[in-house]
C-alpha cells in the first residue's frame, strides 16, 4: 500500500514482512536507495520528505547465497499548510513482465495524474545506461480515457536485473516518480535470476508515525 505523509514528517519504511522460501532469517541484507540520493541499510528506515510529491523508494534484499530481489515503497507527500491542489501522481506498467530475454521488445505504459495535459512530460530511465526517452500522457484530464496512457518500447542488450524509473514534474516543481523491476534473461542460456523463478520474493509494508 502507498504511504501518505505531510512534508517534514517522519516516515517509517518497513520491509520486515519480506519473505524467503527457507525463512526470513536467510535474508542477509536490506538496502534502500532513496529519491534524494541517500542510501540506508536495515529492514526499517526512518526518513523525512521536505517537499510534496509522489516518491518511489528502491528496496533491495540479498539472501545468504547472494541472490537478490527488489521492491518499491511508494510515499505520497502533501503540504499540510496548503493541501490543495494536490501534488501529481503517476502509474506505469510494462509487458511482458516475465520471461523477457535479451533483445525482446518490452512495451511500457505510463499515465500521470493531477496535471494539465501540456504540463511537463514523462522522462524514462530504463536502467541500462541508454539515453532518456520522453512521453506525454494526458494528465488524466479525461478520466478512463482509452488513450490516456502514453506508450514507449525498449529492448535490453544484456541480461540482468533492471530498475526502470519514470517521472513527471508539474509547474510548481513537484515531481511524481514510479519505478518498475524487470528481469532480463539470456537468450538460449540460463541466468540465475532468483527473483523471477519463484524461489523467494520481497514484500513491502509501510507504516506511518502520524
N, C-alpha and C. Protein backbone atom coordinates (compact mmCIF):
# COMPACT_ATOMS: atom_id res chain seq x y z
N UNK A 1 0.82 -1.21 0.00
CA UNK A 1 0.00 0.00 0.00
C UNK A 1 0.85 1.26 0.00
N UNK A 2 0.31 2.32 -0.53
CA UNK A 2 1.02 3.60 -0.51
C UNK A 2 1.03 4.19 0.89
N UNK A 3 2.09 4.90 1.19
CA UNK A 3 2.21 5.61 2.46
C UNK A 3 1.95 7.08 2.21
N UNK A 4 1.14 7.69 3.05
CA UNK A 4 0.78 9.10 2.91
C UNK A 4 1.33 9.88 4.09
N UNK A 5 1.94 11.04 3.83
CA UNK A 5 2.55 11.82 4.90
C UNK A 5 2.51 13.30 4.55
N UNK A 6 2.68 14.13 5.57
CA UNK A 6 2.86 15.56 5.37
C UNK A 6 4.33 15.85 5.14
N UNK A 7 4.63 16.89 4.41
CA UNK A 7 6.02 17.31 4.21
C UNK A 7 6.65 17.63 5.57
N UNK A 8 7.88 17.15 5.77
CA UNK A 8 8.60 17.36 7.02
C UNK A 8 8.29 16.35 8.09
N UNK A 9 7.41 15.42 7.82
CA UNK A 9 7.00 14.42 8.80
C UNK A 9 7.88 13.17 8.69
N UNK A 10 8.20 12.57 9.84
CA UNK A 10 9.00 11.34 9.84
C UNK A 10 8.15 10.17 9.33
N UNK A 11 8.71 9.40 8.42
CA UNK A 11 8.05 8.25 7.83
C UNK A 11 8.89 7.01 8.08
N UNK A 12 8.25 5.89 8.36
CA UNK A 12 8.97 4.63 8.53
C UNK A 12 8.76 3.75 7.31
N UNK A 13 9.83 3.40 6.65
CA UNK A 13 9.80 2.44 5.54
C UNK A 13 10.11 1.08 6.14
N UNK A 14 9.21 0.13 5.97
CA UNK A 14 9.27 -1.13 6.70
C UNK A 14 9.26 -2.32 5.73
N UNK A 15 10.33 -3.09 5.74
CA UNK A 15 10.44 -4.27 4.88
C UNK A 15 10.49 -5.56 5.69
N UNK A 16 10.01 -5.52 6.94
CA UNK A 16 10.15 -6.69 7.82
C UNK A 16 9.27 -7.86 7.41
N UNK A 17 8.33 -7.65 6.51
CA UNK A 17 7.48 -8.76 6.05
C UNK A 17 7.98 -9.35 4.74
N UNK A 18 9.19 -9.06 4.39
CA UNK A 18 9.80 -9.72 3.23
C UNK A 18 9.85 -11.22 3.48
N UNK A 19 9.75 -11.99 2.41
CA UNK A 19 9.58 -13.44 2.53
C UNK A 19 10.69 -14.18 1.80
N UNK A 20 11.11 -15.31 2.38
CA UNK A 20 12.09 -16.20 1.77
C UNK A 20 11.59 -17.63 1.94
N UNK A 21 11.74 -18.45 0.92
CA UNK A 21 11.20 -19.81 0.96
C UNK A 21 11.79 -20.62 2.10
N UNK A 22 13.03 -20.31 2.50
CA UNK A 22 13.68 -21.05 3.59
C UNK A 22 13.54 -20.35 4.93
N UNK A 23 12.83 -19.23 4.96
CA UNK A 23 12.67 -18.47 6.19
C UNK A 23 13.33 -17.10 6.09
N UNK A 24 12.70 -16.10 6.71
CA UNK A 24 13.19 -14.73 6.61
C UNK A 24 14.59 -14.56 7.17
N UNK A 25 15.01 -15.47 8.05
CA UNK A 25 16.36 -15.35 8.62
C UNK A 25 17.45 -15.53 7.57
N UNK A 26 17.08 -16.03 6.39
CA UNK A 26 18.06 -16.19 5.32
C UNK A 26 18.23 -14.91 4.49
N UNK A 27 17.44 -13.89 4.77
CA UNK A 27 17.65 -12.59 4.13
C UNK A 27 18.74 -11.87 4.89
N UNK A 28 19.87 -11.67 4.25
CA UNK A 28 21.03 -11.13 4.95
C UNK A 28 21.14 -9.62 4.93
N UNK A 29 20.63 -8.97 3.86
CA UNK A 29 20.80 -7.52 3.75
C UNK A 29 19.53 -6.86 3.22
N UNK A 30 19.23 -5.73 3.80
CA UNK A 30 18.17 -4.85 3.32
C UNK A 30 18.83 -3.52 2.98
N UNK A 31 18.72 -3.10 1.72
CA UNK A 31 19.37 -1.87 1.28
C UNK A 31 18.34 -0.97 0.59
N UNK A 32 18.35 0.30 1.00
CA UNK A 32 17.41 1.27 0.46
C UNK A 32 18.17 2.33 -0.35
N UNK A 33 17.63 2.67 -1.51
CA UNK A 33 18.13 3.79 -2.31
C UNK A 33 16.99 4.78 -2.47
N UNK A 34 17.17 5.97 -1.88
CA UNK A 34 16.08 6.93 -1.77
C UNK A 34 16.16 7.99 -2.87
N UNK A 35 15.03 8.62 -3.12
CA UNK A 35 14.91 9.57 -4.22
C UNK A 35 15.88 10.73 -4.10
N UNK A 36 16.20 11.14 -2.87
CA UNK A 36 17.09 12.28 -2.68
C UNK A 36 18.56 11.92 -2.86
N UNK A 37 18.84 10.67 -3.24
CA UNK A 37 20.21 10.23 -3.48
C UNK A 37 20.87 9.56 -2.29
N UNK A 38 20.23 9.60 -1.14
CA UNK A 38 20.81 8.96 0.04
C UNK A 38 20.54 7.46 0.02
N UNK A 39 21.29 6.73 0.83
CA UNK A 39 21.12 5.29 0.96
C UNK A 39 20.99 4.93 2.44
N UNK A 40 20.42 3.78 2.71
CA UNK A 40 20.26 3.33 4.09
C UNK A 40 20.23 1.81 4.10
N UNK A 41 20.53 1.23 5.27
CA UNK A 41 20.52 -0.22 5.43
C UNK A 41 19.64 -0.59 6.61
N UNK A 42 19.03 -1.76 6.51
CA UNK A 42 18.19 -2.24 7.59
C UNK A 42 16.77 -2.49 7.11
N UNK A 43 16.07 -3.38 7.82
CA UNK A 43 14.71 -3.73 7.43
C UNK A 43 13.75 -2.56 7.61
N UNK A 44 14.02 -1.67 8.56
CA UNK A 44 13.21 -0.47 8.73
C UNK A 44 14.10 0.77 8.68
N UNK A 45 13.58 1.80 8.06
CA UNK A 45 14.33 3.04 7.89
C UNK A 45 13.38 4.21 8.11
N UNK A 46 13.84 5.23 8.82
CA UNK A 46 13.06 6.46 9.00
C UNK A 46 13.60 7.54 8.07
N UNK A 47 12.66 8.28 7.48
CA UNK A 47 13.07 9.30 6.51
C UNK A 47 12.06 10.44 6.51
N UNK A 48 12.54 11.65 6.22
CA UNK A 48 11.67 12.81 6.11
C UNK A 48 11.69 13.34 4.68
N UNK A 49 10.55 13.81 4.23
CA UNK A 49 10.42 14.40 2.90
C UNK A 49 10.09 15.88 3.06
N UNK A 50 10.94 16.73 2.54
CA UNK A 50 10.76 18.16 2.72
C UNK A 50 9.79 18.77 1.70
N UNK A 51 9.57 18.05 0.60
CA UNK A 51 8.79 18.64 -0.49
C UNK A 51 7.65 17.72 -0.89
N UNK A 52 6.45 18.25 -1.14
CA UNK A 52 5.35 17.42 -1.61
C UNK A 52 5.70 16.73 -2.94
N UNK A 53 5.16 15.55 -3.13
CA UNK A 53 5.39 14.81 -4.36
C UNK A 53 4.99 13.36 -4.20
N UNK A 54 5.25 12.58 -5.22
CA UNK A 54 4.94 11.15 -5.27
C UNK A 54 6.28 10.43 -5.41
N UNK A 55 6.73 9.79 -4.33
CA UNK A 55 8.06 9.20 -4.28
C UNK A 55 8.00 7.68 -4.41
N UNK A 56 9.03 7.10 -4.99
CA UNK A 56 9.15 5.65 -5.09
C UNK A 56 10.56 5.26 -4.68
N UNK A 57 10.68 4.64 -3.49
CA UNK A 57 11.98 4.31 -2.92
C UNK A 57 12.34 2.85 -3.22
N UNK A 58 13.59 2.63 -3.55
CA UNK A 58 14.04 1.32 -4.01
C UNK A 58 14.53 0.50 -2.82
N UNK A 59 13.99 -0.70 -2.69
CA UNK A 59 14.42 -1.66 -1.67
C UNK A 59 15.06 -2.86 -2.37
N UNK A 60 16.26 -3.19 -1.96
CA UNK A 60 16.96 -4.37 -2.47
C UNK A 60 17.24 -5.30 -1.30
N UNK A 61 16.86 -6.57 -1.44
CA UNK A 61 17.22 -7.55 -0.42
C UNK A 61 18.16 -8.59 -1.03
N UNK A 62 19.06 -9.08 -0.21
CA UNK A 62 20.03 -10.09 -0.63
C UNK A 62 20.01 -11.22 0.39
N UNK A 63 19.94 -12.47 -0.09
CA UNK A 63 19.92 -13.58 0.87
C UNK A 63 21.34 -14.09 1.12
N UNK A 64 21.44 -15.14 1.95
CA UNK A 64 22.76 -15.61 2.37
C UNK A 64 23.51 -16.38 1.29
N UNK A 65 22.91 -16.53 0.11
CA UNK A 65 23.63 -17.13 -1.02
C UNK A 65 23.95 -16.09 -2.09
N UNK A 66 23.56 -14.83 -1.84
CA UNK A 66 23.86 -13.76 -2.80
C UNK A 66 22.76 -13.46 -3.79
N UNK A 67 21.64 -14.16 -3.71
CA UNK A 67 20.53 -13.88 -4.62
C UNK A 67 19.81 -12.61 -4.18
N UNK A 68 19.26 -11.88 -5.14
CA UNK A 68 18.66 -10.57 -4.84
C UNK A 68 17.24 -10.47 -5.38
N UNK A 69 16.49 -9.56 -4.80
CA UNK A 69 15.20 -9.17 -5.34
C UNK A 69 14.94 -7.72 -4.95
N UNK A 70 13.96 -7.10 -5.60
CA UNK A 70 13.68 -5.68 -5.42
C UNK A 70 12.19 -5.45 -5.20
N UNK A 71 11.89 -4.37 -4.50
CA UNK A 71 10.54 -3.85 -4.42
C UNK A 71 10.63 -2.35 -4.20
N UNK A 72 9.47 -1.68 -4.17
CA UNK A 72 9.45 -0.22 -4.09
C UNK A 72 8.45 0.24 -3.04
N UNK A 73 8.85 1.24 -2.28
CA UNK A 73 7.97 1.87 -1.30
C UNK A 73 7.47 3.18 -1.88
N UNK A 74 6.17 3.29 -2.07
CA UNK A 74 5.58 4.50 -2.64
C UNK A 74 5.11 5.40 -1.50
N UNK A 75 5.58 6.64 -1.51
CA UNK A 75 5.23 7.61 -0.47
C UNK A 75 4.64 8.85 -1.14
N UNK A 76 3.41 9.18 -0.79
CA UNK A 76 2.76 10.39 -1.30
C UNK A 76 2.82 11.46 -0.22
N UNK A 77 3.45 12.57 -0.53
CA UNK A 77 3.71 13.62 0.45
C UNK A 77 2.92 14.88 0.08
N UNK A 78 2.23 15.45 1.08
CA UNK A 78 1.39 16.62 0.87
C UNK A 78 1.87 17.78 1.73
N UNK A 79 1.52 18.98 1.31
CA UNK A 79 1.82 20.19 2.06
C UNK A 79 0.68 20.45 3.05
N UNK A 80 0.98 20.34 4.35
CA UNK A 80 -0.07 20.48 5.36
C UNK A 80 -0.69 21.86 5.36
N UNK A 81 0.11 22.89 5.07
CA UNK A 81 -0.40 24.26 5.09
C UNK A 81 -1.23 24.58 3.85
N UNK A 82 -1.02 23.80 2.78
CA UNK A 82 -1.75 24.03 1.54
C UNK A 82 -1.94 22.70 0.82
N UNK A 83 -2.86 21.86 1.32
CA UNK A 83 -3.02 20.52 0.75
C UNK A 83 -3.57 20.51 -0.67
N UNK A 84 -4.22 21.59 -1.09
CA UNK A 84 -4.76 21.68 -2.45
C UNK A 84 -4.10 22.84 -3.19
N UNK A 85 -3.85 22.68 -4.48
CA UNK A 85 -4.06 21.47 -5.27
C UNK A 85 -3.07 20.37 -4.90
N UNK A 86 -3.49 19.13 -5.08
CA UNK A 86 -2.66 18.00 -4.68
C UNK A 86 -1.46 17.88 -5.61
N UNK A 87 -0.35 17.32 -5.11
CA UNK A 87 0.80 17.08 -5.98
C UNK A 87 0.48 16.00 -7.01
N UNK A 88 1.25 15.90 -8.07
CA UNK A 88 0.96 14.91 -9.10
C UNK A 88 1.20 13.49 -8.62
N UNK A 89 0.57 12.55 -9.30
CA UNK A 89 0.79 11.12 -9.07
C UNK A 89 1.07 10.48 -10.42
N UNK A 90 1.53 9.23 -10.39
CA UNK A 90 1.92 8.58 -11.65
C UNK A 90 1.75 7.07 -11.52
N UNK A 91 1.40 6.43 -12.62
CA UNK A 91 1.29 4.97 -12.67
C UNK A 91 1.94 4.48 -13.96
N UNK A 92 2.75 3.43 -13.83
CA UNK A 92 3.41 2.84 -15.00
C UNK A 92 3.32 1.32 -14.93
N UNK A 93 3.40 0.69 -16.08
CA UNK A 93 3.38 -0.77 -16.17
C UNK A 93 4.13 -1.18 -17.43
N UNK A 94 4.49 -2.46 -17.49
CA UNK A 94 5.16 -2.97 -18.69
C UNK A 94 4.67 -4.37 -19.00
N UNK A 95 4.91 -4.77 -20.24
CA UNK A 95 4.55 -6.12 -20.69
C UNK A 95 5.50 -6.54 -21.79
N UNK A 96 5.97 -7.79 -21.76
CA UNK A 96 5.75 -8.80 -20.71
C UNK A 96 6.53 -8.48 -19.44
N UNK A 97 6.10 -9.10 -18.34
CA UNK A 97 6.77 -8.89 -17.06
C UNK A 97 7.65 -10.06 -16.66
N UNK A 98 7.48 -11.20 -17.31
CA UNK A 98 8.29 -12.39 -17.02
C UNK A 98 8.74 -13.03 -18.33
N UNK A 99 9.82 -13.77 -18.24
CA UNK A 99 10.31 -14.48 -19.41
C UNK A 99 10.94 -13.61 -20.47
N UNK A 100 11.30 -12.38 -20.12
CA UNK A 100 11.92 -11.47 -21.08
C UNK A 100 13.37 -11.89 -21.33
N UNK A 101 13.75 -11.96 -22.59
CA UNK A 101 15.11 -12.32 -22.98
C UNK A 101 15.80 -11.13 -23.64
N UNK A 102 17.11 -11.21 -23.69
CA UNK A 102 17.89 -10.17 -24.36
C UNK A 102 17.36 -9.95 -25.78
N UNK A 103 17.11 -8.71 -26.13
CA UNK A 103 16.63 -8.38 -27.46
C UNK A 103 15.13 -8.36 -27.62
N UNK A 104 14.39 -8.88 -26.64
CA UNK A 104 12.93 -8.86 -26.72
C UNK A 104 12.41 -7.43 -26.61
N UNK A 105 11.34 -7.15 -27.31
CA UNK A 105 10.70 -5.84 -27.19
C UNK A 105 9.77 -5.83 -25.98
N UNK A 106 9.94 -4.82 -25.14
CA UNK A 106 9.09 -4.65 -23.96
C UNK A 106 8.29 -3.36 -24.14
N UNK A 107 7.00 -3.43 -23.91
CA UNK A 107 6.13 -2.27 -24.02
C UNK A 107 5.92 -1.64 -22.65
N UNK A 108 6.12 -0.34 -22.57
CA UNK A 108 5.95 0.41 -21.32
C UNK A 108 4.82 1.41 -21.49
N UNK A 109 3.96 1.50 -20.48
CA UNK A 109 2.87 2.47 -20.48
C UNK A 109 2.93 3.32 -19.22
N UNK A 110 2.52 4.58 -19.33
CA UNK A 110 2.54 5.47 -18.17
C UNK A 110 1.39 6.47 -18.28
N UNK A 111 0.87 6.82 -17.12
CA UNK A 111 -0.12 7.90 -17.06
C UNK A 111 0.13 8.73 -15.81
N UNK A 112 0.17 10.03 -15.98
CA UNK A 112 0.32 10.96 -14.87
C UNK A 112 -1.04 11.51 -14.49
N UNK A 113 -1.16 11.94 -13.23
CA UNK A 113 -2.43 12.42 -12.71
C UNK A 113 -2.24 13.77 -12.01
N UNK A 114 -3.33 14.54 -11.95
CA UNK A 114 -3.33 15.86 -11.30
C UNK A 114 -2.39 16.83 -12.01
N UNK A 115 -2.35 16.73 -13.32
CA UNK A 115 -1.58 17.65 -14.15
C UNK A 115 -2.42 18.07 -15.35
N UNK A 116 -2.09 19.21 -15.91
CA UNK A 116 -2.67 19.58 -17.20
C UNK A 116 -1.97 18.76 -18.29
N UNK A 117 -2.67 18.54 -19.39
CA UNK A 117 -2.12 17.69 -20.44
C UNK A 117 -0.82 18.23 -21.01
N UNK A 118 -0.63 19.57 -20.96
CA UNK A 118 0.59 20.17 -21.51
C UNK A 118 1.58 20.56 -20.41
N UNK A 119 1.38 20.05 -19.21
CA UNK A 119 2.22 20.41 -18.07
C UNK A 119 3.32 19.36 -17.87
N UNK A 120 4.52 19.67 -18.30
CA UNK A 120 5.62 18.73 -18.16
C UNK A 120 5.48 17.54 -19.09
N UNK A 121 6.35 16.58 -18.92
CA UNK A 121 6.33 15.34 -19.69
C UNK A 121 6.99 14.25 -18.87
N UNK A 122 6.72 13.00 -19.23
CA UNK A 122 7.36 11.88 -18.52
C UNK A 122 8.77 11.65 -19.07
N UNK A 123 9.70 11.45 -18.17
CA UNK A 123 11.07 11.09 -18.53
C UNK A 123 11.32 9.66 -18.10
N UNK A 124 11.79 8.83 -19.03
CA UNK A 124 12.05 7.41 -18.77
C UNK A 124 13.55 7.16 -18.66
N UNK A 125 13.94 6.45 -17.61
CA UNK A 125 15.29 5.92 -17.46
C UNK A 125 15.15 4.41 -17.36
N UNK A 126 15.61 3.69 -18.40
CA UNK A 126 15.41 2.25 -18.46
C UNK A 126 16.44 1.46 -17.65
N UNK A 127 17.35 2.13 -16.99
CA UNK A 127 18.26 1.47 -16.07
C UNK A 127 19.43 0.77 -16.72
N UNK A 128 19.61 0.95 -18.03
CA UNK A 128 20.68 0.25 -18.74
C UNK A 128 21.70 1.20 -19.34
N UNK A 129 21.64 2.46 -18.96
CA UNK A 129 22.61 3.43 -19.47
C UNK A 129 22.27 4.03 -20.82
N UNK A 130 21.14 3.67 -21.40
CA UNK A 130 20.73 4.26 -22.67
C UNK A 130 20.15 5.66 -22.42
N UNK A 131 20.00 6.42 -23.50
CA UNK A 131 19.50 7.79 -23.38
C UNK A 131 18.06 7.81 -22.88
N UNK A 132 17.73 8.89 -22.19
CA UNK A 132 16.37 9.06 -21.69
C UNK A 132 15.38 9.14 -22.85
N UNK A 133 14.17 8.67 -22.58
CA UNK A 133 13.07 8.73 -23.54
C UNK A 133 11.96 9.57 -22.91
N UNK A 134 11.25 10.34 -23.73
CA UNK A 134 10.23 11.24 -23.21
C UNK A 134 8.87 10.90 -23.80
N UNK A 135 7.85 10.94 -22.96
CA UNK A 135 6.47 10.75 -23.39
C UNK A 135 5.62 11.83 -22.73
N UNK A 136 4.37 11.93 -23.16
CA UNK A 136 3.44 12.85 -22.50
C UNK A 136 2.04 12.23 -22.50
N UNK A 137 1.65 11.71 -21.35
CA UNK A 137 0.29 11.21 -21.20
C UNK A 137 -0.65 12.40 -21.00
N UNK A 138 -1.95 12.11 -20.90
CA UNK A 138 -2.94 13.21 -20.90
C UNK A 138 -3.12 13.88 -19.54
N UNK A 139 -2.41 13.41 -18.50
CA UNK A 139 -2.55 14.02 -17.19
C UNK A 139 -3.87 13.71 -16.51
N UNK A 140 -4.57 12.68 -17.03
CA UNK A 140 -5.88 12.29 -16.51
C UNK A 140 -6.92 13.40 -16.68
N UNK A 141 -6.75 14.21 -17.70
CA UNK A 141 -7.72 15.28 -17.98
C UNK A 141 -9.10 14.68 -18.25
N UNK A 142 -9.12 13.56 -18.98
CA UNK A 142 -10.36 12.84 -19.23
C UNK A 142 -10.26 11.49 -18.56
N UNK A 143 -11.00 11.30 -17.49
CA UNK A 143 -10.92 10.06 -16.71
C UNK A 143 -11.34 8.86 -17.56
N UNK A 144 -10.60 7.77 -17.38
CA UNK A 144 -10.87 6.50 -18.05
C UNK A 144 -10.73 6.58 -19.56
N UNK A 145 -10.03 7.58 -20.04
CA UNK A 145 -9.82 7.69 -21.49
C UNK A 145 -9.04 6.48 -22.00
N UNK A 146 -9.48 5.90 -23.09
CA UNK A 146 -8.84 4.70 -23.63
C UNK A 146 -7.40 4.98 -24.05
N UNK A 147 -7.12 6.20 -24.47
CA UNK A 147 -5.78 6.55 -24.91
C UNK A 147 -5.07 7.43 -23.88
N UNK A 148 -5.46 7.33 -22.62
CA UNK A 148 -4.88 8.18 -21.58
C UNK A 148 -3.44 7.85 -21.24
N UNK A 149 -3.02 6.61 -21.47
CA UNK A 149 -1.64 6.20 -21.19
C UNK A 149 -0.74 6.48 -22.39
N UNK A 150 0.44 7.02 -22.11
CA UNK A 150 1.46 7.16 -23.14
C UNK A 150 2.23 5.85 -23.25
N UNK A 151 2.72 5.54 -24.44
CA UNK A 151 3.36 4.25 -24.70
C UNK A 151 4.74 4.46 -25.30
N UNK A 152 5.70 3.65 -24.83
CA UNK A 152 7.02 3.59 -25.44
C UNK A 152 7.50 2.15 -25.38
N UNK A 153 8.51 1.82 -26.17
CA UNK A 153 9.02 0.45 -26.23
C UNK A 153 10.53 0.46 -26.09
N UNK A 154 11.08 -0.65 -25.58
CA UNK A 154 12.51 -0.71 -25.32
C UNK A 154 12.98 -2.16 -25.42
N UNK A 155 14.25 -2.33 -25.79
CA UNK A 155 14.90 -3.65 -25.83
C UNK A 155 16.19 -3.58 -25.01
N UNK A 156 16.50 -4.65 -24.30
CA UNK A 156 17.71 -4.72 -23.48
C UNK A 156 18.77 -5.58 -24.17
N UNK A 157 20.00 -5.07 -24.14
CA UNK A 157 21.10 -5.74 -24.83
C UNK A 157 21.84 -6.73 -23.94
N UNK A 158 21.63 -6.64 -22.62
CA UNK A 158 22.32 -7.53 -21.69
C UNK A 158 21.33 -8.09 -20.69
N UNK A 159 21.66 -9.27 -20.17
CA UNK A 159 20.82 -9.90 -19.15
C UNK A 159 21.09 -9.28 -17.79
N UNK A 160 20.09 -9.35 -16.91
CA UNK A 160 20.27 -8.85 -15.55
C UNK A 160 18.99 -8.28 -14.97
N UNK A 161 19.13 -7.72 -13.76
CA UNK A 161 18.03 -7.02 -13.10
C UNK A 161 18.07 -5.55 -13.51
N UNK A 162 16.92 -5.00 -13.89
CA UNK A 162 16.86 -3.59 -14.28
C UNK A 162 15.78 -2.86 -13.47
N UNK A 163 16.14 -1.67 -13.00
CA UNK A 163 15.20 -0.78 -12.33
C UNK A 163 14.84 0.33 -13.31
N UNK A 164 13.59 0.38 -13.70
CA UNK A 164 13.11 1.39 -14.64
C UNK A 164 12.47 2.52 -13.83
N UNK A 165 12.85 3.74 -14.11
CA UNK A 165 12.28 4.90 -13.43
C UNK A 165 11.61 5.82 -14.45
N UNK A 166 10.44 6.33 -14.09
CA UNK A 166 9.75 7.30 -14.94
C UNK A 166 9.18 8.39 -14.03
N UNK A 167 9.35 9.64 -14.43
CA UNK A 167 8.87 10.73 -13.58
C UNK A 167 8.35 11.89 -14.42
N UNK A 168 7.54 12.71 -13.76
CA UNK A 168 6.99 13.92 -14.39
C UNK A 168 6.83 14.99 -13.33
N UNK A 169 7.13 16.23 -13.68
CA UNK A 169 7.12 17.35 -12.74
C UNK A 169 6.08 18.38 -13.17
N UNK A 170 5.33 18.90 -12.19
CA UNK A 170 4.32 19.91 -12.53
C UNK A 170 4.93 21.31 -12.53
N UNK A 171 4.11 22.30 -12.80
CA UNK A 171 4.60 23.68 -12.90
C UNK A 171 5.03 24.24 -11.55
N UNK A 172 4.67 23.57 -10.45
CA UNK A 172 5.08 24.01 -9.12
C UNK A 172 6.36 23.32 -8.66
N UNK A 173 6.96 22.52 -9.54
CA UNK A 173 8.19 21.84 -9.20
C UNK A 173 8.01 20.58 -8.40
N UNK A 174 6.79 20.06 -8.31
CA UNK A 174 6.50 18.83 -7.58
C UNK A 174 6.59 17.65 -8.53
N UNK A 175 7.34 16.64 -8.13
CA UNK A 175 7.62 15.51 -9.02
C UNK A 175 6.89 14.25 -8.57
N UNK A 176 6.41 13.50 -9.55
CA UNK A 176 5.85 12.17 -9.31
C UNK A 176 6.74 11.15 -9.99
N UNK A 177 7.15 10.12 -9.24
CA UNK A 177 8.08 9.11 -9.74
C UNK A 177 7.49 7.72 -9.56
N UNK A 178 7.63 6.88 -10.57
CA UNK A 178 7.23 5.48 -10.49
C UNK A 178 8.41 4.62 -10.92
N UNK A 179 8.53 3.43 -10.33
CA UNK A 179 9.62 2.52 -10.71
C UNK A 179 9.07 1.12 -10.98
N UNK A 180 9.77 0.43 -11.87
CA UNK A 180 9.45 -0.95 -12.21
C UNK A 180 10.72 -1.78 -12.11
N UNK A 181 10.56 -3.06 -11.81
CA UNK A 181 11.69 -4.00 -11.77
C UNK A 181 11.47 -5.04 -12.86
N UNK A 182 12.45 -5.20 -13.72
CA UNK A 182 12.36 -6.16 -14.82
C UNK A 182 13.60 -7.03 -14.84
N UNK A 183 13.38 -8.35 -14.94
CA UNK A 183 14.48 -9.30 -15.05
C UNK A 183 14.60 -9.73 -16.51
N UNK A 184 15.78 -9.58 -17.08
CA UNK A 184 16.05 -9.95 -18.47
C UNK A 184 17.00 -11.14 -18.48
N UNK A 185 16.59 -12.22 -19.13
CA UNK A 185 17.40 -13.43 -19.17
C UNK A 185 18.20 -13.55 -20.45
N UNK A 186 19.14 -14.48 -20.44
CA UNK A 186 19.95 -14.74 -21.62
C UNK A 186 19.15 -15.49 -22.67
N UNK A 187 19.33 -15.14 -23.92
CA UNK A 187 18.66 -15.87 -24.99
C UNK A 187 19.45 -17.14 -25.29
N UNK A 188 18.78 -18.29 -25.19
CA UNK A 188 19.44 -19.56 -25.44
C UNK A 188 20.33 -20.02 -24.31
N UNK A 189 20.21 -19.39 -23.14
CA UNK A 189 21.03 -19.77 -21.99
C UNK A 189 20.22 -19.66 -20.72
N UNK A 190 20.90 -19.82 -19.59
CA UNK A 190 20.24 -19.76 -18.30
C UNK A 190 20.92 -18.71 -17.45
N UNK A 191 20.13 -17.82 -16.88
CA UNK A 191 20.64 -16.81 -15.96
C UNK A 191 19.97 -17.01 -14.62
N UNK A 192 20.76 -17.08 -13.55
CA UNK A 192 20.19 -17.27 -12.22
C UNK A 192 19.59 -15.95 -11.74
N UNK A 193 18.35 -15.73 -12.07
CA UNK A 193 17.64 -14.53 -11.64
C UNK A 193 16.55 -14.98 -10.67
N UNK A 194 16.97 -15.30 -9.46
CA UNK A 194 16.11 -15.97 -8.50
C UNK A 194 14.79 -15.26 -8.26
N UNK A 195 14.81 -13.93 -8.28
CA UNK A 195 13.58 -13.18 -8.04
C UNK A 195 12.52 -13.43 -9.09
N UNK A 196 12.88 -14.03 -10.23
CA UNK A 196 11.94 -14.29 -11.31
C UNK A 196 11.56 -15.76 -11.40
N UNK A 197 12.09 -16.60 -10.47
CA UNK A 197 11.86 -18.03 -10.58
C UNK A 197 11.10 -18.58 -9.38
N UNK A 198 10.51 -17.69 -8.59
CA UNK A 198 9.67 -18.14 -7.51
C UNK A 198 10.40 -18.66 -6.30
N UNK A 199 11.73 -18.52 -6.23
CA UNK A 199 12.48 -19.06 -5.12
C UNK A 199 12.33 -18.20 -3.87
N UNK A 200 12.19 -16.91 -4.05
CA UNK A 200 11.83 -16.03 -2.94
C UNK A 200 11.35 -14.71 -3.50
N UNK A 201 10.73 -13.96 -2.64
CA UNK A 201 10.23 -12.65 -3.06
C UNK A 201 10.28 -11.71 -1.88
N UNK A 202 10.14 -10.41 -2.18
CA UNK A 202 10.13 -9.39 -1.15
C UNK A 202 8.77 -8.70 -1.19
N UNK A 203 8.27 -8.40 -0.01
CA UNK A 203 7.01 -7.67 0.06
C UNK A 203 7.20 -6.47 0.96
N UNK A 204 6.78 -5.30 0.49
CA UNK A 204 6.93 -4.06 1.24
C UNK A 204 5.63 -3.73 1.96
N UNK A 205 5.72 -3.45 3.24
CA UNK A 205 4.58 -2.99 4.02
C UNK A 205 4.97 -1.69 4.70
N UNK A 206 4.16 -0.67 4.53
CA UNK A 206 4.52 0.65 5.06
C UNK A 206 3.82 0.95 6.37
N UNK A 207 4.47 1.78 7.17
CA UNK A 207 3.90 2.26 8.42
C UNK A 207 4.12 3.76 8.50
N UNK A 208 3.28 4.43 9.24
CA UNK A 208 3.44 5.87 9.43
C UNK A 208 3.38 6.19 10.91
N UNK A 209 4.17 7.18 11.30
CA UNK A 209 4.15 7.62 12.69
C UNK A 209 3.25 8.83 12.87
N UNK A 210 2.26 8.95 11.99
CA UNK A 210 1.38 10.12 12.07
C UNK A 210 0.48 10.03 13.29
